[in-house]
Amino acid sequence: METISRLQELQNHIDKEFTASPSPFMLWMRPVVIAAEEGSVTFKYLIREEMSNPIKTLHGGVTAAIADDCIGATMFSYNENSFYVTINLVVDYFAPAKIGDTIFAKTSVIKKAKQLVNAQCEIWNEDHTRLIARATSNMLKTDLSKRNS
């Protein structure tokens, strides 16, 4: 039986919901893979009511979770056996997204060192004309292994 890389698993889901995530929270958010390459992923999300705040816009905590999970998936793209943990996450919020909106989250790795990774995630509206949020994060490589997909 041939084992595919974690990056290939992401790429196999392009234009489909990413159902192979080891993160139950990511599965709840139902991301659709738009692009995946080593060090960068792009996911699409439909904002559902349970992702909203009382004024029916995307909850700030869910926005942060999207960024954190996308950055985590980016680490998944490196096909390493190590697990990375978030040691900080800074989110700047610029514009709202409403229930029913489609948003895109794209990550990039700014710096990858032996133990630490600095990455960012930008979240845009559907036509990429309005930046909803930008997050930066530092991740620490641990000696814990990722669950095999």
N, C-alpha and C. Protein backbone atom coordinates (compact mmCIF):
# COMPACT_ATOMS: atom_id res chain seq x y z
N MET A 1 0.84 -1.19 0.00
CA MET A 1 0.00 0.00 0.00
C MET A 1 0.89 1.26 0.00
N GLU A 2 0.67 2.12 -0.95
CA GLU A 2 1.47 3.33 -1.08
C GLU A 2 0.99 4.39 -0.09
N THR A 3 1.95 5.00 0.60
CA THR A 3 1.63 6.08 1.53
C THR A 3 1.85 7.41 0.82
N ILE A 4 0.85 8.28 0.89
CA ILE A 4 1.00 9.58 0.24
C ILE A 4 1.48 10.60 1.28
N SER A 5 2.15 11.63 0.81
CA SER A 5 2.65 12.67 1.71
C SER A 5 1.49 13.51 2.24
N ARG A 6 1.75 14.19 3.31
CA ARG A 6 0.73 15.08 3.88
C ARG A 6 0.40 16.21 2.89
N LEU A 7 1.42 16.70 2.20
CA LEU A 7 1.18 17.72 1.18
C LEU A 7 0.28 17.16 0.08
N GLN A 8 0.55 15.94 -0.36
CA GLN A 8 -0.28 15.33 -1.40
C GLN A 8 -1.71 15.15 -0.91
N GLU A 9 -1.87 14.83 0.37
CA GLU A 9 -3.22 14.70 0.94
C GLU A 9 -3.97 16.02 0.84
N LEU A 10 -3.29 17.12 1.14
CA LEU A 10 -3.90 18.45 0.98
C LEU A 10 -4.26 18.69 -0.49
N GLN A 11 -3.31 18.40 -1.37
CA GLN A 11 -3.53 18.64 -2.80
C GLN A 11 -4.63 17.76 -3.37
N ASN A 12 -4.81 16.57 -2.83
CA ASN A 12 -5.88 15.68 -3.28
C ASN A 12 -7.26 16.24 -2.95
N HIS A 13 -7.31 17.21 -2.04
CA HIS A 13 -8.59 17.81 -1.64
C HIS A 13 -8.85 19.16 -2.31
N ILE A 14 -8.03 19.55 -3.28
CA ILE A 14 -8.25 20.84 -3.93
C ILE A 14 -9.66 20.87 -4.53
N ASP A 15 -10.36 21.97 -4.23
CA ASP A 15 -11.76 22.20 -4.61
C ASP A 15 -12.74 21.28 -3.88
N LYS A 16 -12.27 20.66 -2.79
CA LYS A 16 -13.12 19.80 -1.96
C LYS A 16 -12.91 20.16 -0.49
N GLU A 17 -13.88 19.79 0.33
CA GLU A 17 -13.73 19.98 1.77
C GLU A 17 -12.59 19.11 2.27
N PHE A 18 -11.76 19.68 3.15
CA PHE A 18 -10.61 18.95 3.68
C PHE A 18 -11.08 18.06 4.84
N THR A 19 -11.33 16.82 4.53
CA THR A 19 -11.86 15.87 5.51
C THR A 19 -10.78 15.02 6.16
N ALA A 20 -9.52 15.23 5.80
CA ALA A 20 -8.43 14.42 6.31
C ALA A 20 -7.67 15.09 7.44
N SER A 21 -8.15 16.21 7.94
CA SER A 21 -7.45 16.91 9.01
C SER A 21 -7.47 16.10 10.29
N PRO A 22 -6.35 16.09 11.03
CA PRO A 22 -6.35 15.45 12.34
C PRO A 22 -7.01 16.33 13.41
N SER A 23 -7.42 17.54 13.04
CA SER A 23 -8.01 18.49 13.98
C SER A 23 -9.54 18.43 13.92
N PRO A 24 -10.20 17.94 14.97
CA PRO A 24 -11.66 17.94 14.98
C PRO A 24 -12.25 19.34 14.82
N PHE A 25 -11.56 20.34 15.36
CA PHE A 25 -12.05 21.72 15.24
C PHE A 25 -12.01 22.17 13.79
N MET A 26 -10.92 21.84 13.08
CA MET A 26 -10.84 22.20 11.67
C MET A 26 -11.96 21.52 10.89
N LEU A 27 -12.23 20.27 11.19
CA LEU A 27 -13.32 19.55 10.51
C LEU A 27 -14.65 20.26 10.74
N TRP A 28 -14.87 20.80 11.94
CA TRP A 28 -16.10 21.54 12.24
C TRP A 28 -16.21 22.79 11.37
N MET A 29 -15.08 23.43 11.08
CA MET A 29 -15.10 24.66 10.28
C MET A 29 -15.32 24.39 8.79
N ARG A 30 -15.13 23.15 8.34
CA ARG A 30 -15.40 22.71 6.97
C ARG A 30 -14.63 23.49 5.88
N PRO A 31 -13.32 23.56 5.99
CA PRO A 31 -12.58 24.29 4.95
C PRO A 31 -12.53 23.53 3.63
N VAL A 32 -12.53 24.28 2.54
CA VAL A 32 -12.34 23.73 1.20
C VAL A 32 -10.93 24.14 0.78
N VAL A 33 -10.14 23.17 0.34
CA VAL A 33 -8.76 23.45 -0.09
C VAL A 33 -8.80 24.12 -1.46
N ILE A 34 -8.18 25.26 -1.57
CA ILE A 34 -8.07 25.97 -2.85
C ILE A 34 -6.68 25.78 -3.45
N ALA A 35 -5.66 25.82 -2.60
CA ALA A 35 -4.28 25.63 -3.06
C ALA A 35 -3.45 25.09 -1.90
N ALA A 36 -2.43 24.32 -2.24
CA ALA A 36 -1.52 23.78 -1.23
C ALA A 36 -0.16 23.53 -1.85
N GLU A 37 0.83 24.11 -1.24
CA GLU A 37 2.21 23.86 -1.63
C GLU A 37 3.02 23.92 -0.35
N GLU A 38 4.24 23.46 -0.40
CA GLU A 38 5.05 23.48 0.81
C GLU A 38 5.19 24.92 1.30
N GLY A 39 4.74 25.17 2.52
CA GLY A 39 4.86 26.49 3.13
C GLY A 39 3.70 27.43 2.89
N SER A 40 2.66 27.00 2.19
CA SER A 40 1.51 27.88 1.95
C SER A 40 0.27 27.05 1.62
N VAL A 41 -0.83 27.43 2.25
CA VAL A 41 -2.12 26.83 1.92
C VAL A 41 -3.16 27.94 1.77
N THR A 42 -4.18 27.66 0.98
CA THR A 42 -5.33 28.56 0.86
C THR A 42 -6.58 27.73 1.05
N PHE A 43 -7.42 28.17 1.99
CA PHE A 43 -8.69 27.51 2.25
C PHE A 43 -9.83 28.50 2.03
N LYS A 44 -10.98 27.95 1.69
CA LYS A 44 -12.21 28.73 1.53
C LYS A 44 -13.18 28.26 2.60
N TYR A 45 -13.90 29.22 3.19
CA TYR A 45 -14.89 28.92 4.24
C TYR A 45 -16.20 29.62 3.92
N LEU A 46 -17.29 28.95 4.21
CA LEU A 46 -18.61 29.56 4.18
C LEU A 46 -18.96 29.90 5.62
N ILE A 47 -19.29 31.17 5.89
CA ILE A 47 -19.61 31.58 7.25
C ILE A 47 -21.01 31.09 7.60
N ARG A 48 -21.07 30.20 8.58
CA ARG A 48 -22.33 29.63 9.05
C ARG A 48 -22.79 30.36 10.31
N GLU A 49 -24.05 30.24 10.64
CA GLU A 49 -24.61 30.94 11.80
C GLU A 49 -23.86 30.59 13.08
N GLU A 50 -23.48 29.34 13.25
CA GLU A 50 -22.79 28.95 14.49
C GLU A 50 -21.36 29.50 14.57
N MET A 51 -20.90 30.17 13.52
CA MET A 51 -19.59 30.82 13.52
C MET A 51 -19.72 32.33 13.82
N SER A 52 -20.94 32.78 14.08
CA SER A 52 -21.18 34.22 14.20
C SER A 52 -21.30 34.69 15.64
N ASN A 53 -21.27 36.00 15.79
CA ASN A 53 -21.48 36.66 17.07
C ASN A 53 -22.93 37.17 17.11
N PRO A 54 -23.34 37.86 18.18
CA PRO A 54 -24.73 38.32 18.27
C PRO A 54 -25.18 39.29 17.18
N ILE A 55 -24.24 39.94 16.49
CA ILE A 55 -24.65 40.86 15.42
C ILE A 55 -24.54 40.20 14.03
N LYS A 56 -24.43 38.87 14.05
CA LYS A 56 -24.46 38.06 12.82
C LYS A 56 -23.26 38.26 11.90
N THR A 57 -22.11 38.60 12.50
CA THR A 57 -20.87 38.65 11.74
C THR A 57 -19.92 37.59 12.28
N LEU A 58 -18.91 37.29 11.51
CA LEU A 58 -17.94 36.27 11.91
C LEU A 58 -17.35 36.61 13.27
N HIS A 59 -17.46 35.68 14.20
CA HIS A 59 -16.96 35.87 15.56
C HIS A 59 -15.44 36.02 15.53
N GLY A 60 -14.91 36.95 16.29
CA GLY A 60 -13.47 37.18 16.33
C GLY A 60 -12.69 35.95 16.75
N GLY A 61 -13.24 35.17 17.67
CA GLY A 61 -12.57 33.94 18.10
C GLY A 61 -12.51 32.91 16.99
N VAL A 62 -13.54 32.85 16.17
CA VAL A 62 -13.54 31.92 15.04
C VAL A 62 -12.55 32.41 13.99
N THR A 63 -12.48 33.72 13.80
CA THR A 63 -11.49 34.28 12.87
C THR A 63 -10.09 33.87 13.30
N ALA A 64 -9.80 34.02 14.59
CA ALA A 64 -8.49 33.62 15.12
C ALA A 64 -8.26 32.12 14.94
N ALA A 65 -9.32 31.33 15.16
CA ALA A 65 -9.20 29.87 15.01
C ALA A 65 -8.92 29.49 13.56
N ILE A 66 -9.57 30.17 12.62
CA ILE A 66 -9.31 29.91 11.21
C ILE A 66 -7.84 30.17 10.91
N ALA A 67 -7.33 31.30 11.35
CA ALA A 67 -5.92 31.63 11.11
C ALA A 67 -5.01 30.59 11.74
N ASP A 68 -5.28 30.23 13.00
CA ASP A 68 -4.44 29.28 13.71
C ASP A 68 -4.46 27.91 13.03
N ASP A 69 -5.63 27.44 12.63
CA ASP A 69 -5.72 26.14 11.97
C ASP A 69 -5.08 26.16 10.58
N CYS A 70 -5.24 27.25 9.87
CA CYS A 70 -4.61 27.36 8.54
C CYS A 70 -3.09 27.34 8.66
N ILE A 71 -2.58 28.06 9.64
CA ILE A 71 -1.12 28.05 9.86
C ILE A 71 -0.68 26.64 10.26
N GLY A 72 -1.47 25.96 11.08
CA GLY A 72 -1.16 24.58 11.44
C GLY A 72 -1.15 23.67 10.22
N ALA A 73 -2.10 23.84 9.32
CA ALA A 73 -2.14 23.05 8.08
C ALA A 73 -0.91 23.34 7.22
N THR A 74 -0.43 24.57 7.29
CA THR A 74 0.78 24.92 6.56
C THR A 74 1.96 24.09 7.07
N MET A 75 2.02 23.89 8.37
CA MET A 75 3.09 23.06 8.93
C MET A 75 2.90 21.61 8.46
N PHE A 76 1.66 21.19 8.32
CA PHE A 76 1.31 19.87 7.80
C PHE A 76 1.91 19.70 6.40
N SER A 77 1.99 20.80 5.63
CA SER A 77 2.48 20.73 4.25
C SER A 77 3.97 20.38 4.16
N TYR A 78 4.70 20.53 5.26
CA TYR A 78 6.13 20.21 5.24
C TYR A 78 6.40 18.71 5.36
N ASN A 79 5.36 17.92 5.65
CA ASN A 79 5.48 16.46 5.70
C ASN A 79 6.51 16.00 6.73
N GLU A 80 6.54 16.67 7.86
CA GLU A 80 7.43 16.28 8.95
C GLU A 80 6.64 15.43 9.94
N ASN A 81 7.34 14.62 10.71
CA ASN A 81 6.68 13.82 11.74
C ASN A 81 6.47 14.60 13.02
N SER A 82 7.12 15.72 13.16
CA SER A 82 6.99 16.54 14.37
C SER A 82 5.68 17.31 14.37
N PHE A 83 5.22 17.63 15.56
CA PHE A 83 4.02 18.44 15.72
C PHE A 83 4.46 19.84 16.16
N TYR A 84 3.83 20.86 15.63
CA TYR A 84 4.13 22.24 16.00
C TYR A 84 2.99 22.77 16.87
N VAL A 85 3.35 23.51 17.89
CA VAL A 85 2.35 24.15 18.75
C VAL A 85 2.48 25.65 18.61
N THR A 86 1.36 26.32 18.72
CA THR A 86 1.33 27.77 18.65
C THR A 86 1.85 28.34 19.96
N ILE A 87 2.84 29.24 19.89
CA ILE A 87 3.30 29.89 21.11
C ILE A 87 2.79 31.33 21.22
N ASN A 88 2.34 31.88 20.10
CA ASN A 88 1.60 33.14 20.15
C ASN A 88 0.84 33.32 18.84
N LEU A 89 -0.20 34.11 18.91
CA LEU A 89 -1.03 34.41 17.75
C LEU A 89 -1.53 35.83 17.92
N VAL A 90 -1.19 36.68 16.98
CA VAL A 90 -1.63 38.07 17.02
C VAL A 90 -2.54 38.29 15.81
N VAL A 91 -3.75 38.75 16.08
CA VAL A 91 -4.73 38.94 15.01
C VAL A 91 -5.13 40.41 14.95
N ASP A 92 -5.04 40.98 13.76
CA ASP A 92 -5.55 42.32 13.50
C ASP A 92 -6.82 42.16 12.68
N TYR A 93 -7.90 42.78 13.15
CA TYR A 93 -9.20 42.68 12.48
C TYR A 93 -9.46 43.98 11.71
N PHE A 94 -9.84 43.86 10.44
CA PHE A 94 -10.01 45.03 9.59
C PHE A 94 -11.43 45.24 9.09
N ALA A 95 -12.17 44.16 8.87
CA ALA A 95 -13.52 44.28 8.30
C ALA A 95 -14.35 43.06 8.70
N PRO A 96 -15.67 43.22 8.74
CA PRO A 96 -16.52 42.08 9.11
C PRO A 96 -16.81 41.17 7.92
N ALA A 97 -17.23 39.95 8.25
CA ALA A 97 -17.79 39.02 7.28
C ALA A 97 -19.12 38.57 7.88
N LYS A 98 -20.15 38.45 7.04
CA LYS A 98 -21.49 38.12 7.52
C LYS A 98 -21.82 36.65 7.28
N ILE A 99 -22.84 36.19 8.00
CA ILE A 99 -23.35 34.84 7.76
C ILE A 99 -23.70 34.72 6.27
N GLY A 100 -23.28 33.63 5.66
CA GLY A 100 -23.53 33.41 4.23
C GLY A 100 -22.39 33.86 3.34
N ASP A 101 -21.47 34.68 3.88
CA ASP A 101 -20.31 35.11 3.09
C ASP A 101 -19.33 33.97 2.92
N THR A 102 -18.59 34.02 1.84
CA THR A 102 -17.47 33.12 1.60
C THR A 102 -16.20 33.92 1.83
N ILE A 103 -15.27 33.35 2.56
CA ILE A 103 -13.99 34.00 2.82
C ILE A 103 -12.85 33.07 2.42
N PHE A 104 -11.69 33.65 2.18
CA PHE A 104 -10.49 32.89 1.83
C PHE A 104 -9.40 33.19 2.83
N ALA A 105 -8.71 32.15 3.26
CA ALA A 105 -7.58 32.29 4.19
C ALA A 105 -6.34 31.74 3.50
N LYS A 106 -5.30 32.58 3.39
CA LYS A 106 -4.06 32.17 2.74
C LYS A 106 -2.90 32.37 3.70
N THR A 107 -2.07 31.35 3.81
CA THR A 107 -0.93 31.42 4.71
C THR A 107 0.38 31.55 3.96
N SER A 108 1.38 32.01 4.67
CA SER A 108 2.75 32.00 4.16
C SER A 108 3.69 31.90 5.35
N VAL A 109 4.77 31.19 5.14
CA VAL A 109 5.79 31.08 6.17
C VAL A 109 6.79 32.21 5.94
N ILE A 110 6.98 32.99 6.97
CA ILE A 110 7.93 34.11 6.89
C ILE A 110 9.35 33.61 7.14
N LYS A 111 9.50 32.77 8.17
CA LYS A 111 10.82 32.24 8.54
C LYS A 111 10.64 30.87 9.17
N LYS A 112 11.37 29.89 8.67
CA LYS A 112 11.36 28.55 9.25
C LYS A 112 12.77 28.23 9.69
N ALA A 113 12.94 28.09 10.99
CA ALA A 113 14.23 27.73 11.56
C ALA A 113 14.16 26.29 12.08
N LYS A 114 15.17 25.88 12.81
CA LYS A 114 15.23 24.50 13.29
C LYS A 114 14.09 24.16 14.25
N GLN A 115 13.76 25.06 15.16
CA GLN A 115 12.74 24.81 16.18
C GLN A 115 11.54 25.75 16.08
N LEU A 116 11.75 26.94 15.53
CA LEU A 116 10.68 27.94 15.49
C LEU A 116 10.29 28.28 14.06
N VAL A 117 9.01 28.57 13.90
CA VAL A 117 8.49 29.01 12.60
C VAL A 117 7.65 30.25 12.84
N ASN A 118 7.85 31.27 12.00
CA ASN A 118 7.01 32.46 12.00
C ASN A 118 6.20 32.42 10.72
N ALA A 119 4.87 32.54 10.88
CA ALA A 119 3.99 32.45 9.72
C ALA A 119 2.89 33.49 9.83
N GLN A 120 2.21 33.74 8.72
CA GLN A 120 1.08 34.66 8.73
C GLN A 120 -0.07 34.06 7.95
N CYS A 121 -1.26 34.58 8.24
CA CYS A 121 -2.47 34.18 7.53
C CYS A 121 -3.27 35.44 7.24
N GLU A 122 -3.64 35.63 5.98
CA GLU A 122 -4.52 36.73 5.61
C GLU A 122 -5.88 36.15 5.25
N ILE A 123 -6.92 36.78 5.76
CA ILE A 123 -8.29 36.35 5.49
C ILE A 123 -8.98 37.45 4.68
N TRP A 124 -9.47 37.08 3.50
CA TRP A 124 -10.05 38.02 2.54
C TRP A 124 -11.50 37.69 2.25
N ASN A 125 -12.23 38.68 1.78
CA ASN A 125 -13.60 38.44 1.32
C ASN A 125 -13.54 37.66 0.00
N GLU A 126 -14.71 37.29 -0.52
CA GLU A 126 -14.78 36.38 -1.65
C GLU A 126 -14.08 36.90 -2.91
N ASP A 127 -14.19 38.19 -3.19
CA ASP A 127 -13.54 38.70 -4.41
C ASP A 127 -12.16 39.30 -4.14
N HIS A 128 -11.64 39.06 -2.96
CA HIS A 128 -10.28 39.48 -2.58
C HIS A 128 -10.07 40.99 -2.66
N THR A 129 -11.13 41.75 -2.41
CA THR A 129 -11.01 43.21 -2.44
C THR A 129 -10.98 43.81 -1.03
N ARG A 130 -11.31 43.00 -0.03
CA ARG A 130 -11.36 43.52 1.34
C ARG A 130 -10.63 42.55 2.28
N LEU A 131 -9.60 43.05 2.94
CA LEU A 131 -8.87 42.25 3.93
C LEU A 131 -9.69 42.23 5.22
N ILE A 132 -10.09 41.06 5.65
CA ILE A 132 -10.91 40.92 6.85
C ILE A 132 -10.02 40.87 8.09
N ALA A 133 -8.92 40.11 8.02
CA ALA A 133 -8.01 40.00 9.16
C ALA A 133 -6.65 39.50 8.68
N ARG A 134 -5.65 39.82 9.49
CA ARG A 134 -4.30 39.29 9.26
C ARG A 134 -3.78 38.81 10.60
N ALA A 135 -3.25 37.61 10.61
CA ALA A 135 -2.70 37.03 11.84
C ALA A 135 -1.25 36.65 11.61
N THR A 136 -0.45 36.82 12.64
CA THR A 136 0.91 36.31 12.63
C THR A 136 1.06 35.39 13.83
N SER A 137 1.91 34.40 13.66
CA SER A 137 2.06 33.40 14.71
C SER A 137 3.48 32.87 14.73
N ASN A 138 3.91 32.48 15.91
CA ASN A 138 5.14 31.73 16.08
C ASN A 138 4.77 30.35 16.55
N MET A 139 5.39 29.36 15.91
CA MET A 139 5.13 27.96 16.22
C MET A 139 6.42 27.31 16.71
N LEU A 140 6.27 26.39 17.66
CA LEU A 140 7.41 25.68 18.23
C LEU A 140 7.32 24.21 17.84
N LYS A 141 8.42 23.69 17.31
CA LYS A 141 8.49 22.28 16.96
C LYS A 141 8.62 21.46 18.24
N THR A 142 7.80 20.43 18.36
CA THR A 142 7.86 19.57 19.55
C THR A 142 8.37 18.19 19.15
N ASP A 143 8.59 17.35 20.13
CA ASP A 143 9.00 15.97 19.84
C ASP A 143 7.78 15.05 19.76
N LEU A 144 6.58 15.63 19.77
CA LEU A 144 5.37 14.83 19.61
C LEU A 144 5.17 14.53 18.14
N SER A 145 4.71 13.36 17.83
CA SER A 145 4.47 12.99 16.43
C SER A 145 3.04 13.28 16.04
N LYS A 146 2.87 13.65 14.78
CA LYS A 146 1.53 13.84 14.23
C LYS A 146 0.91 12.47 13.99
N ARG A 147 -0.39 12.42 14.15
CA ARG A 147 -1.12 11.20 13.83
C ARG A 147 -1.05 10.98 12.32
N ASN A 148 -0.83 9.79 11.90
CA ASN A 148 -0.81 9.50 10.46
C ASN A 148 -2.18 9.68 9.87
N SER A 149 -2.24 10.25 8.68
CA SER A 149 -3.51 10.46 7.99
C SER A 149 -3.93 9.22 7.26
